[in-house]
């Protein structure tokens, strides 16, 4: 989990308060962002949550309600008005932890490399080990696999995918029949 804020102390306190609530709903707390300037009308708390499988908007709304109640009741959170946002990560969130890579299996990603001959590689997330990820790359119908060590990745981001992946690509990514049908349905 990453904490980014202009008020780190408040972000840390809020993280401690909301992490049990978020995990109690089966989600991971990805990030807490607090924008709490000393003066001014715009104060905000953004809670980013994610889980394996699709996110459920109704469940995120329940998490938002529960988090709001906890923050309102805690004396360590200033009583000043603020906007609370509970959300899932955007499509362009960098892949930084093993669980991000696992959740992106079969998805198209662009990986910026810190070393090597090629500055970036685009492909679908396949097999993972402790040290590397295998990208499944479709080059005009010719499907290749390329293992990339995590230590050589400068940045990796899931891409908006307008193509319909082939069954062969998704099988090489390690998806089962149900996951393949679901992924291909998303692009139908």
N, C-alpha and C. Protein backbone atom coordinates (compact mmCIF):
# COMPACT_ATOMS: atom_id res chain seq x y z
N UNK A 1 0.84 -1.16 0.00
CA UNK A 1 0.00 0.00 0.00
C UNK A 1 0.89 1.23 0.00
N UNK A 2 0.47 2.23 -0.74
CA UNK A 2 1.21 3.48 -0.83
C UNK A 2 0.38 4.58 -0.21
N UNK A 3 0.99 5.44 0.58
CA UNK A 3 0.30 6.58 1.15
C UNK A 3 0.88 7.82 0.51
N UNK A 4 0.02 8.59 -0.16
CA UNK A 4 0.45 9.82 -0.80
C UNK A 4 -0.47 10.91 -0.29
N UNK A 5 0.09 11.99 0.24
CA UNK A 5 -0.78 13.06 0.72
C UNK A 5 0.02 14.29 1.04
N UNK A 6 -0.69 15.40 1.17
CA UNK A 6 -0.08 16.62 1.68
C UNK A 6 -0.13 16.61 3.20
N UNK A 7 -0.81 15.70 3.77
CA UNK A 7 -0.90 15.57 5.22
C UNK A 7 -0.66 14.11 5.60
N UNK A 8 0.61 13.73 5.61
CA UNK A 8 0.98 12.34 5.85
C UNK A 8 0.51 11.79 7.18
N UNK A 9 0.53 12.61 8.21
CA UNK A 9 0.12 12.14 9.53
C UNK A 9 -1.36 11.76 9.52
N UNK A 10 -2.20 12.59 8.90
CA UNK A 10 -3.62 12.29 8.82
C UNK A 10 -3.86 11.07 7.92
N UNK A 11 -3.12 10.97 6.84
CA UNK A 11 -3.25 9.82 5.94
C UNK A 11 -2.90 8.52 6.67
N UNK A 12 -1.84 8.56 7.47
CA UNK A 12 -1.44 7.38 8.22
C UNK A 12 -2.52 6.99 9.24
N UNK A 13 -3.08 7.97 9.90
CA UNK A 13 -4.14 7.72 10.88
C UNK A 13 -5.38 7.11 10.19
N UNK A 14 -5.76 7.70 9.06
CA UNK A 14 -6.93 7.21 8.33
C UNK A 14 -6.68 5.80 7.82
N UNK A 15 -5.46 5.53 7.36
CA UNK A 15 -5.12 4.19 6.89
C UNK A 15 -5.36 3.16 7.99
N UNK A 16 -4.89 3.47 9.19
CA UNK A 16 -5.07 2.58 10.34
C UNK A 16 -6.55 2.35 10.63
N UNK A 17 -7.35 3.40 10.49
CA UNK A 17 -8.78 3.28 10.78
C UNK A 17 -9.53 2.44 9.74
N UNK A 18 -9.23 2.67 8.46
CA UNK A 18 -10.07 2.08 7.41
C UNK A 18 -9.60 0.73 6.90
N UNK A 19 -8.33 0.37 7.11
CA UNK A 19 -7.82 -0.90 6.58
C UNK A 19 -8.64 -2.09 7.06
N UNK A 20 -9.00 -2.19 8.36
CA UNK A 20 -9.82 -3.34 8.79
C UNK A 20 -11.21 -3.35 8.14
N UNK A 21 -11.78 -2.19 7.91
CA UNK A 21 -13.10 -2.12 7.28
C UNK A 21 -13.02 -2.62 5.84
N UNK A 22 -12.02 -2.13 5.11
CA UNK A 22 -11.84 -2.51 3.71
C UNK A 22 -11.57 -4.01 3.60
N UNK A 23 -10.64 -4.52 4.40
CA UNK A 23 -10.32 -5.95 4.32
C UNK A 23 -11.49 -6.80 4.79
N UNK A 24 -12.30 -6.28 5.71
CA UNK A 24 -13.49 -7.00 6.16
C UNK A 24 -14.51 -7.22 5.05
N UNK A 25 -14.46 -6.39 4.04
CA UNK A 25 -15.34 -6.54 2.88
C UNK A 25 -14.68 -7.33 1.75
N UNK A 26 -13.48 -7.87 2.01
CA UNK A 26 -12.80 -8.68 1.00
C UNK A 26 -12.01 -7.89 -0.02
N UNK A 27 -11.69 -6.65 0.31
CA UNK A 27 -10.91 -5.78 -0.59
C UNK A 27 -9.55 -5.51 0.03
N UNK A 28 -8.61 -5.08 -0.83
CA UNK A 28 -7.30 -4.62 -0.37
C UNK A 28 -7.32 -3.10 -0.39
N UNK A 29 -6.73 -2.49 0.61
CA UNK A 29 -6.56 -1.04 0.64
C UNK A 29 -5.32 -0.73 -0.17
N UNK A 30 -5.49 -0.11 -1.32
CA UNK A 30 -4.37 0.17 -2.22
C UNK A 30 -3.69 1.50 -1.89
N UNK A 31 -4.49 2.50 -1.54
CA UNK A 31 -3.90 3.82 -1.37
C UNK A 31 -4.86 4.70 -0.58
N UNK A 32 -4.29 5.59 0.22
CA UNK A 32 -5.04 6.63 0.91
C UNK A 32 -4.41 7.96 0.52
N UNK A 33 -5.22 8.84 -0.04
CA UNK A 33 -4.73 10.15 -0.47
C UNK A 33 -5.52 11.19 0.31
N UNK A 34 -4.82 12.02 1.04
CA UNK A 34 -5.46 13.06 1.83
C UNK A 34 -4.99 14.41 1.33
N UNK A 35 -5.94 15.25 0.98
CA UNK A 35 -5.66 16.63 0.59
C UNK A 35 -6.33 17.51 1.63
N UNK A 36 -5.53 17.97 2.59
CA UNK A 36 -6.07 18.69 3.74
C UNK A 36 -5.25 19.96 3.97
N UNK A 37 -5.43 20.96 3.11
CA UNK A 37 -4.66 22.19 3.30
C UNK A 37 -5.08 22.90 4.59
N UNK A 38 -4.16 23.72 5.11
CA UNK A 38 -4.45 24.45 6.35
C UNK A 38 -5.62 25.41 6.18
N UNK A 39 -5.81 25.92 4.97
CA UNK A 39 -6.94 26.81 4.72
C UNK A 39 -7.50 26.50 3.34
N UNK A 40 -8.71 26.92 3.12
CA UNK A 40 -9.33 26.69 1.83
C UNK A 40 -10.51 25.74 1.94
N UNK A 41 -11.42 25.86 1.01
CA UNK A 41 -12.65 25.07 1.10
C UNK A 41 -12.54 23.64 0.60
N UNK A 42 -11.51 23.31 -0.14
CA UNK A 42 -11.43 21.99 -0.78
C UNK A 42 -10.55 21.04 0.03
N UNK A 43 -11.17 20.21 0.83
CA UNK A 43 -10.47 19.16 1.55
C UNK A 43 -11.02 17.83 1.07
N UNK A 44 -10.15 16.84 0.99
CA UNK A 44 -10.64 15.56 0.50
C UNK A 44 -9.85 14.37 1.01
N UNK A 45 -10.53 13.25 1.07
CA UNK A 45 -9.93 11.97 1.42
C UNK A 45 -10.35 10.99 0.32
N UNK A 46 -9.36 10.38 -0.31
CA UNK A 46 -9.63 9.40 -1.35
C UNK A 46 -9.08 8.06 -0.89
N UNK A 47 -9.94 7.06 -0.89
CA UNK A 47 -9.60 5.71 -0.48
C UNK A 47 -9.68 4.83 -1.73
N UNK A 48 -8.57 4.21 -2.11
CA UNK A 48 -8.54 3.36 -3.31
C UNK A 48 -8.50 1.90 -2.85
N UNK A 49 -9.48 1.13 -3.32
CA UNK A 49 -9.61 -0.28 -2.93
C UNK A 49 -9.63 -1.15 -4.18
N UNK A 50 -9.23 -2.40 -4.03
CA UNK A 50 -9.25 -3.34 -5.14
C UNK A 50 -9.36 -4.75 -4.58
N UNK A 51 -9.71 -5.69 -5.43
CA UNK A 51 -9.79 -7.10 -5.02
C UNK A 51 -9.58 -7.97 -6.24
N UNK A 52 -9.40 -9.26 -6.00
CA UNK A 52 -9.34 -10.23 -7.09
C UNK A 52 -10.73 -10.31 -7.69
N UNK A 53 -10.80 -10.40 -8.99
CA UNK A 53 -12.10 -10.46 -9.67
C UNK A 53 -12.66 -9.07 -9.86
N UNK A 54 -13.85 -8.99 -10.44
CA UNK A 54 -14.43 -7.69 -10.72
C UNK A 54 -14.85 -6.97 -9.44
N UNK A 55 -14.73 -5.65 -9.48
CA UNK A 55 -15.18 -4.85 -8.36
C UNK A 55 -16.70 -4.71 -8.43
N UNK A 56 -17.34 -4.68 -7.28
CA UNK A 56 -18.79 -4.58 -7.18
C UNK A 56 -19.13 -3.17 -6.68
N UNK A 57 -19.79 -2.37 -7.52
CA UNK A 57 -20.10 -0.99 -7.15
C UNK A 57 -20.99 -0.90 -5.92
N UNK A 58 -21.91 -1.84 -5.75
CA UNK A 58 -22.75 -1.83 -4.55
C UNK A 58 -21.91 -2.07 -3.30
N UNK A 59 -20.94 -2.98 -3.40
CA UNK A 59 -20.07 -3.28 -2.26
C UNK A 59 -19.18 -2.07 -1.96
N UNK A 60 -18.68 -1.40 -2.99
CA UNK A 60 -17.85 -0.21 -2.79
C UNK A 60 -18.69 0.89 -2.12
N UNK A 61 -19.97 1.00 -2.47
CA UNK A 61 -20.84 1.98 -1.82
C UNK A 61 -21.01 1.66 -0.34
N UNK A 62 -21.12 0.37 -0.01
CA UNK A 62 -21.22 -0.04 1.40
C UNK A 62 -19.92 0.28 2.13
N UNK A 63 -18.78 0.01 1.49
CA UNK A 63 -17.49 0.35 2.10
C UNK A 63 -17.43 1.85 2.35
N UNK A 64 -17.87 2.65 1.40
CA UNK A 64 -17.87 4.10 1.53
C UNK A 64 -18.70 4.54 2.75
N UNK A 65 -19.87 3.95 2.88
CA UNK A 65 -20.74 4.28 4.02
C UNK A 65 -20.07 3.91 5.35
N UNK A 66 -19.46 2.71 5.40
CA UNK A 66 -18.81 2.26 6.63
C UNK A 66 -17.59 3.12 6.96
N UNK A 67 -16.79 3.46 5.94
CA UNK A 67 -15.61 4.30 6.15
C UNK A 67 -16.04 5.69 6.62
N UNK A 68 -17.07 6.24 6.02
CA UNK A 68 -17.57 7.56 6.41
C UNK A 68 -17.97 7.58 7.88
N UNK A 69 -18.68 6.54 8.33
CA UNK A 69 -19.12 6.46 9.73
C UNK A 69 -17.93 6.41 10.67
N UNK A 70 -16.90 5.64 10.31
CA UNK A 70 -15.71 5.53 11.17
C UNK A 70 -14.96 6.85 11.23
N UNK A 71 -14.79 7.50 10.09
CA UNK A 71 -14.06 8.77 10.07
C UNK A 71 -14.82 9.85 10.83
N UNK A 72 -16.15 9.87 10.68
CA UNK A 72 -16.96 10.88 11.38
C UNK A 72 -16.91 10.69 12.89
N UNK A 73 -16.79 9.46 13.35
CA UNK A 73 -16.81 9.17 14.79
C UNK A 73 -15.44 9.28 15.45
N UNK A 74 -14.36 9.34 14.66
CA UNK A 74 -13.02 9.33 15.25
C UNK A 74 -12.55 10.74 15.59
N UNK A 75 -12.13 10.95 16.84
CA UNK A 75 -11.67 12.30 17.24
C UNK A 75 -10.35 12.71 16.58
N UNK A 76 -9.62 11.77 16.02
CA UNK A 76 -8.36 12.10 15.35
C UNK A 76 -8.54 12.65 13.95
N UNK A 77 -9.76 12.59 13.43
CA UNK A 77 -10.05 13.16 12.11
C UNK A 77 -10.74 14.50 12.34
N UNK A 78 -10.15 15.59 11.84
CA UNK A 78 -10.74 16.91 12.06
C UNK A 78 -12.20 16.96 11.60
N UNK A 79 -13.00 17.74 12.30
CA UNK A 79 -14.42 17.85 12.01
C UNK A 79 -14.74 18.76 10.84
N UNK A 80 -13.70 19.33 10.22
CA UNK A 80 -13.93 20.20 9.07
C UNK A 80 -14.62 19.42 7.95
N UNK A 81 -15.47 20.11 7.15
CA UNK A 81 -16.09 19.43 6.01
C UNK A 81 -15.03 18.95 5.01
N UNK A 82 -15.26 17.78 4.43
CA UNK A 82 -14.35 17.25 3.42
C UNK A 82 -15.13 16.34 2.50
N UNK A 83 -14.58 16.09 1.32
CA UNK A 83 -15.17 15.15 0.37
C UNK A 83 -14.50 13.79 0.58
N UNK A 84 -15.31 12.74 0.69
CA UNK A 84 -14.80 11.38 0.80
C UNK A 84 -15.09 10.66 -0.50
N UNK A 85 -14.06 10.05 -1.07
CA UNK A 85 -14.22 9.26 -2.29
C UNK A 85 -13.63 7.87 -2.03
N UNK A 86 -14.44 6.85 -2.21
CA UNK A 86 -13.97 5.47 -2.16
C UNK A 86 -14.10 4.95 -3.59
N UNK A 87 -12.99 4.49 -4.14
CA UNK A 87 -12.97 4.14 -5.55
C UNK A 87 -12.05 2.96 -5.81
N UNK A 88 -12.16 2.40 -6.99
CA UNK A 88 -11.23 1.37 -7.42
C UNK A 88 -10.14 2.03 -8.27
N UNK A 89 -9.00 1.37 -8.43
CA UNK A 89 -7.92 1.97 -9.22
C UNK A 89 -8.34 2.14 -10.68
N UNK A 90 -7.81 3.14 -11.30
CA UNK A 90 -8.08 3.35 -12.72
C UNK A 90 -7.33 2.34 -13.57
N UNK A 91 -7.72 2.28 -14.81
CA UNK A 91 -7.10 1.34 -15.74
C UNK A 91 -5.62 1.63 -15.91
N UNK A 92 -5.22 2.88 -15.72
CA UNK A 92 -3.84 3.26 -15.97
C UNK A 92 -2.96 3.22 -14.72
N UNK A 93 -3.43 2.54 -13.68
CA UNK A 93 -2.64 2.41 -12.46
C UNK A 93 -1.41 1.55 -12.74
N UNK A 94 -0.24 2.00 -12.30
CA UNK A 94 0.96 1.18 -12.50
C UNK A 94 0.87 -0.15 -11.75
N UNK A 95 1.45 -1.18 -12.32
CA UNK A 95 1.53 -2.49 -11.68
C UNK A 95 2.79 -2.48 -10.82
N UNK A 96 2.61 -2.47 -9.51
CA UNK A 96 3.77 -2.31 -8.61
C UNK A 96 3.93 -3.45 -7.62
N UNK A 97 2.88 -4.24 -7.40
CA UNK A 97 2.98 -5.33 -6.43
C UNK A 97 2.60 -6.65 -7.11
N UNK A 98 2.99 -7.77 -6.54
CA UNK A 98 2.62 -9.06 -7.15
C UNK A 98 1.11 -9.22 -7.36
N UNK A 99 0.29 -8.73 -6.41
CA UNK A 99 -1.15 -8.89 -6.59
C UNK A 99 -1.67 -8.09 -7.78
N UNK A 100 -1.03 -6.95 -8.10
CA UNK A 100 -1.43 -6.19 -9.29
C UNK A 100 -1.19 -7.02 -10.56
N UNK A 101 -0.03 -7.69 -10.61
CA UNK A 101 0.30 -8.52 -11.77
C UNK A 101 -0.66 -9.70 -11.88
N UNK A 102 -0.98 -10.33 -10.75
CA UNK A 102 -1.90 -11.47 -10.76
C UNK A 102 -3.27 -11.03 -11.27
N UNK A 103 -3.75 -9.88 -10.80
CA UNK A 103 -5.06 -9.38 -11.22
C UNK A 103 -5.07 -8.97 -12.69
N UNK A 104 -3.91 -8.67 -13.24
CA UNK A 104 -3.83 -8.23 -14.64
C UNK A 104 -3.59 -9.39 -15.60
N UNK A 105 -3.56 -10.62 -15.10
CA UNK A 105 -3.28 -11.76 -15.97
C UNK A 105 -4.25 -11.78 -17.15
N UNK A 106 -3.70 -11.87 -18.36
CA UNK A 106 -4.49 -11.86 -19.58
C UNK A 106 -4.75 -10.48 -20.13
N UNK A 107 -4.47 -9.44 -19.35
CA UNK A 107 -4.69 -8.06 -19.79
C UNK A 107 -3.49 -7.58 -20.59
N UNK A 108 -3.73 -6.63 -21.46
CA UNK A 108 -2.68 -6.02 -22.26
C UNK A 108 -1.98 -4.96 -21.41
N UNK A 109 -0.65 -5.03 -21.37
CA UNK A 109 0.14 -4.08 -20.60
C UNK A 109 1.29 -3.56 -21.45
N UNK A 110 1.74 -2.37 -21.10
CA UNK A 110 2.98 -1.85 -21.67
C UNK A 110 3.99 -1.78 -20.55
N UNK A 111 5.14 -2.38 -20.79
CA UNK A 111 6.21 -2.44 -19.81
C UNK A 111 7.37 -1.60 -20.31
N UNK A 112 7.74 -0.59 -19.53
CA UNK A 112 8.92 0.23 -19.82
C UNK A 112 10.10 -0.44 -19.14
N UNK A 113 11.14 -0.72 -19.92
CA UNK A 113 12.31 -1.42 -19.39
C UNK A 113 13.41 -0.45 -19.01
N UNK A 114 14.10 -0.77 -17.94
CA UNK A 114 15.20 0.08 -17.49
C UNK A 114 16.52 -0.31 -18.12
N UNK A 115 16.55 -1.46 -18.76
CA UNK A 115 17.77 -1.90 -19.43
C UNK A 115 17.41 -2.70 -20.67
N UNK A 116 18.37 -3.05 -21.47
CA UNK A 116 18.12 -3.87 -22.64
C UNK A 116 18.03 -3.05 -23.91
N UNK A 117 17.80 -3.76 -25.00
CA UNK A 117 17.77 -3.13 -26.32
C UNK A 117 16.42 -2.47 -26.63
N UNK A 118 15.34 -2.97 -26.05
CA UNK A 118 14.01 -2.46 -26.34
C UNK A 118 13.54 -1.61 -25.17
N UNK A 119 13.18 -0.33 -25.42
CA UNK A 119 12.75 0.52 -24.31
C UNK A 119 11.41 0.13 -23.71
N UNK A 120 10.51 -0.47 -24.53
CA UNK A 120 9.22 -0.90 -23.99
C UNK A 120 8.71 -2.11 -24.76
N UNK A 121 7.85 -2.86 -24.08
CA UNK A 121 7.25 -4.06 -24.65
C UNK A 121 5.77 -4.04 -24.30
N UNK A 122 4.92 -4.37 -25.28
CA UNK A 122 3.49 -4.47 -25.03
C UNK A 122 3.05 -5.90 -25.29
N UNK A 123 2.30 -6.45 -24.35
CA UNK A 123 1.80 -7.81 -24.49
C UNK A 123 0.81 -8.10 -23.38
N UNK A 124 0.35 -9.32 -23.32
CA UNK A 124 -0.60 -9.73 -22.29
C UNK A 124 0.15 -10.42 -21.15
N UNK A 125 -0.31 -10.16 -19.92
CA UNK A 125 0.34 -10.73 -18.75
C UNK A 125 0.07 -12.23 -18.71
N UNK A 126 1.15 -13.00 -18.68
CA UNK A 126 1.06 -14.45 -18.62
C UNK A 126 1.56 -14.97 -17.29
N UNK A 127 2.36 -16.00 -17.35
CA UNK A 127 2.87 -16.67 -16.15
C UNK A 127 3.75 -15.74 -15.32
N UNK A 128 3.68 -15.94 -14.01
CA UNK A 128 4.47 -15.15 -13.07
C UNK A 128 5.31 -16.08 -12.21
N UNK A 129 6.53 -15.63 -11.93
CA UNK A 129 7.36 -16.29 -10.92
C UNK A 129 7.71 -15.22 -9.90
N UNK A 130 8.49 -15.56 -8.91
CA UNK A 130 8.91 -14.57 -7.93
C UNK A 130 9.78 -13.48 -8.56
N UNK A 131 10.46 -13.82 -9.65
CA UNK A 131 11.43 -12.90 -10.25
C UNK A 131 11.05 -12.32 -11.59
N UNK A 132 10.02 -12.88 -12.25
CA UNK A 132 9.75 -12.45 -13.62
C UNK A 132 8.28 -12.63 -14.00
N UNK A 133 7.92 -11.93 -15.05
CA UNK A 133 6.60 -12.07 -15.67
C UNK A 133 6.84 -12.47 -17.13
N UNK A 134 5.97 -13.32 -17.65
CA UNK A 134 6.03 -13.67 -19.06
C UNK A 134 4.94 -12.88 -19.78
N UNK A 135 5.33 -12.13 -20.81
CA UNK A 135 4.36 -11.43 -21.64
C UNK A 135 4.08 -12.27 -22.87
N UNK A 136 2.81 -12.35 -23.22
CA UNK A 136 2.37 -13.04 -24.42
C UNK A 136 2.14 -11.94 -25.45
N UNK A 137 2.93 -11.97 -26.52
CA UNK A 137 2.96 -10.89 -27.50
C UNK A 137 2.42 -11.40 -28.83
N UNK A 138 1.41 -10.72 -29.35
CA UNK A 138 0.83 -11.07 -30.65
C UNK A 138 1.39 -10.12 -31.69
N UNK A 139 2.28 -10.63 -32.53
CA UNK A 139 2.86 -9.82 -33.62
C UNK A 139 2.23 -10.26 -34.93
N UNK A 140 1.10 -9.62 -35.24
CA UNK A 140 0.37 -9.91 -36.49
C UNK A 140 0.06 -11.39 -36.65
N UNK A 141 -0.48 -11.98 -35.60
CA UNK A 141 -0.88 -13.38 -35.64
C UNK A 141 0.18 -14.35 -35.18
N UNK A 142 1.41 -13.91 -35.09
CA UNK A 142 2.50 -14.75 -34.59
C UNK A 142 2.62 -14.49 -33.09
N UNK A 143 2.36 -15.50 -32.30
CA UNK A 143 2.33 -15.32 -30.84
C UNK A 143 3.65 -15.75 -30.24
N UNK A 144 4.26 -14.82 -29.50
CA UNK A 144 5.55 -15.05 -28.85
C UNK A 144 5.38 -14.90 -27.34
N UNK A 145 6.30 -15.50 -26.61
CA UNK A 145 6.36 -15.30 -25.16
C UNK A 145 7.72 -14.71 -24.83
N UNK A 146 7.70 -13.73 -23.94
CA UNK A 146 8.95 -13.11 -23.51
C UNK A 146 8.94 -12.96 -21.99
N UNK A 147 9.91 -13.55 -21.33
CA UNK A 147 10.06 -13.41 -19.88
C UNK A 147 10.82 -12.12 -19.59
N UNK A 148 10.29 -11.36 -18.66
CA UNK A 148 10.91 -10.09 -18.27
C UNK A 148 11.11 -10.12 -16.76
N UNK A 149 12.34 -9.92 -16.33
CA UNK A 149 12.62 -9.89 -14.90
C UNK A 149 12.05 -8.62 -14.29
N UNK A 150 11.46 -8.76 -13.11
CA UNK A 150 10.87 -7.61 -12.43
C UNK A 150 11.91 -6.51 -12.19
N UNK A 151 13.16 -6.91 -11.94
CA UNK A 151 14.21 -5.94 -11.67
C UNK A 151 14.53 -5.06 -12.87
N UNK A 152 14.13 -5.47 -14.06
CA UNK A 152 14.42 -4.66 -15.25
C UNK A 152 13.23 -3.81 -15.68
N UNK A 153 12.15 -3.83 -14.89
CA UNK A 153 10.95 -3.05 -15.22
C UNK A 153 11.01 -1.70 -14.53
N UNK A 154 10.99 -0.64 -15.34
CA UNK A 154 10.94 0.72 -14.80
C UNK A 154 9.50 1.09 -14.46
N UNK A 155 8.56 0.68 -15.32
CA UNK A 155 7.14 0.97 -15.10
C UNK A 155 6.32 0.01 -15.95
N UNK A 156 5.15 -0.36 -15.44
CA UNK A 156 4.24 -1.22 -16.19
C UNK A 156 2.81 -0.74 -15.93
N UNK A 157 2.05 -0.60 -17.02
CA UNK A 157 0.70 -0.06 -16.93
C UNK A 157 -0.24 -0.88 -17.80
N UNK A 158 -1.43 -1.20 -17.28
CA UNK A 158 -2.45 -1.87 -18.07
C UNK A 158 -2.95 -0.89 -19.12
N UNK A 159 -3.15 -1.39 -20.33
CA UNK A 159 -3.59 -0.56 -21.44
C UNK A 159 -5.09 -0.74 -21.70
N UNK A 160 -5.72 0.30 -22.22
CA UNK A 160 -7.07 0.16 -22.73
C UNK A 160 -6.95 -0.72 -23.97
N UNK A 161 -7.70 -1.79 -24.01
CA UNK A 161 -7.54 -2.80 -25.06
C UNK A 161 -8.76 -2.80 -25.96
N UNK A 162 -8.58 -2.35 -27.19
CA UNK A 162 -9.68 -2.31 -28.14
C UNK A 162 -9.75 -3.56 -29.01
N UNK A 163 -8.78 -4.45 -28.85
CA UNK A 163 -8.77 -5.68 -29.66
C UNK A 163 -9.42 -6.82 -28.88
N UNK A 164 -9.85 -7.81 -29.63
CA UNK A 164 -10.40 -9.02 -29.01
C UNK A 164 -9.29 -10.06 -29.02
N UNK A 165 -8.79 -10.42 -27.85
CA UNK A 165 -7.67 -11.37 -27.82
C UNK A 165 -8.08 -12.73 -28.34
N UNK A 166 -7.11 -13.40 -28.96
CA UNK A 166 -7.38 -14.75 -29.46
C UNK A 166 -7.41 -15.73 -28.29
N UNK A 167 -8.08 -16.85 -28.51
CA UNK A 167 -8.12 -17.90 -27.49
C UNK A 167 -6.72 -18.40 -27.20
N UNK A 168 -5.91 -18.53 -28.25
CA UNK A 168 -4.53 -19.01 -28.07
C UNK A 168 -3.73 -18.08 -27.17
N UNK A 169 -3.88 -16.76 -27.36
CA UNK A 169 -3.17 -15.80 -26.49
C UNK A 169 -3.57 -16.00 -25.04
N UNK A 170 -4.87 -16.06 -24.80
CA UNK A 170 -5.37 -16.16 -23.43
C UNK A 170 -5.00 -17.50 -22.79
N UNK A 171 -4.96 -18.57 -23.59
CA UNK A 171 -4.51 -19.86 -23.05
C UNK A 171 -3.04 -19.77 -22.64
N UNK A 172 -2.22 -19.12 -23.46
CA UNK A 172 -0.80 -18.96 -23.12
C UNK A 172 -0.61 -18.07 -21.89
N UNK A 173 -1.58 -17.20 -21.61
CA UNK A 173 -1.53 -16.38 -20.40
C UNK A 173 -1.88 -17.18 -19.16
N UNK A 174 -2.43 -18.40 -19.36
CA UNK A 174 -2.76 -19.26 -18.22
C UNK A 174 -4.20 -19.13 -17.75
N UNK A 175 -5.06 -18.49 -18.55
CA UNK A 175 -6.46 -18.37 -18.17
C UNK A 175 -7.19 -19.68 -18.43
N UNK A 176 -8.17 -20.00 -17.57
CA UNK A 176 -8.98 -21.20 -17.79
C UNK A 176 -10.13 -20.87 -18.75
N UNK A 177 -10.92 -21.88 -19.10
CA UNK A 177 -11.98 -21.71 -20.10
C UNK A 177 -12.98 -20.63 -19.70
N UNK A 178 -13.35 -20.59 -18.43
CA UNK A 178 -14.31 -19.59 -17.95
C UNK A 178 -13.73 -18.18 -18.06
N UNK A 179 -12.48 -18.03 -17.64
CA UNK A 179 -11.83 -16.72 -17.73
C UNK A 179 -11.67 -16.27 -19.18
N UNK A 180 -11.36 -17.21 -20.06
CA UNK A 180 -11.21 -16.89 -21.49
C UNK A 180 -12.55 -16.42 -22.06
N UNK A 181 -13.62 -17.13 -21.74
CA UNK A 181 -14.94 -16.74 -22.24
C UNK A 181 -15.31 -15.34 -21.73
N UNK A 182 -15.04 -15.09 -20.46
CA UNK A 182 -15.35 -13.78 -19.88
C UNK A 182 -14.53 -12.68 -20.55
N UNK A 183 -13.23 -12.90 -20.73
CA UNK A 183 -12.35 -11.89 -21.33
C UNK A 183 -12.74 -11.60 -22.76
N UNK A 184 -13.09 -12.65 -23.50
CA UNK A 184 -13.49 -12.44 -24.90
C UNK A 184 -14.86 -11.78 -24.99
N UNK A 185 -15.73 -12.05 -24.03
CA UNK A 185 -17.05 -11.42 -23.99
C UNK A 185 -16.92 -9.91 -23.76
N UNK A 186 -15.94 -9.51 -22.96
CA UNK A 186 -15.71 -8.08 -22.69
C UNK A 186 -15.45 -7.31 -23.98
N UNK A 187 -14.90 -7.96 -24.95
CA UNK A 187 -14.52 -7.29 -26.23
C UNK A 187 -15.49 -7.58 -27.35
N UNK A 188 -16.58 -8.30 -27.07
CA UNK A 188 -17.53 -8.65 -28.14
C UNK A 188 -18.34 -7.46 -28.57
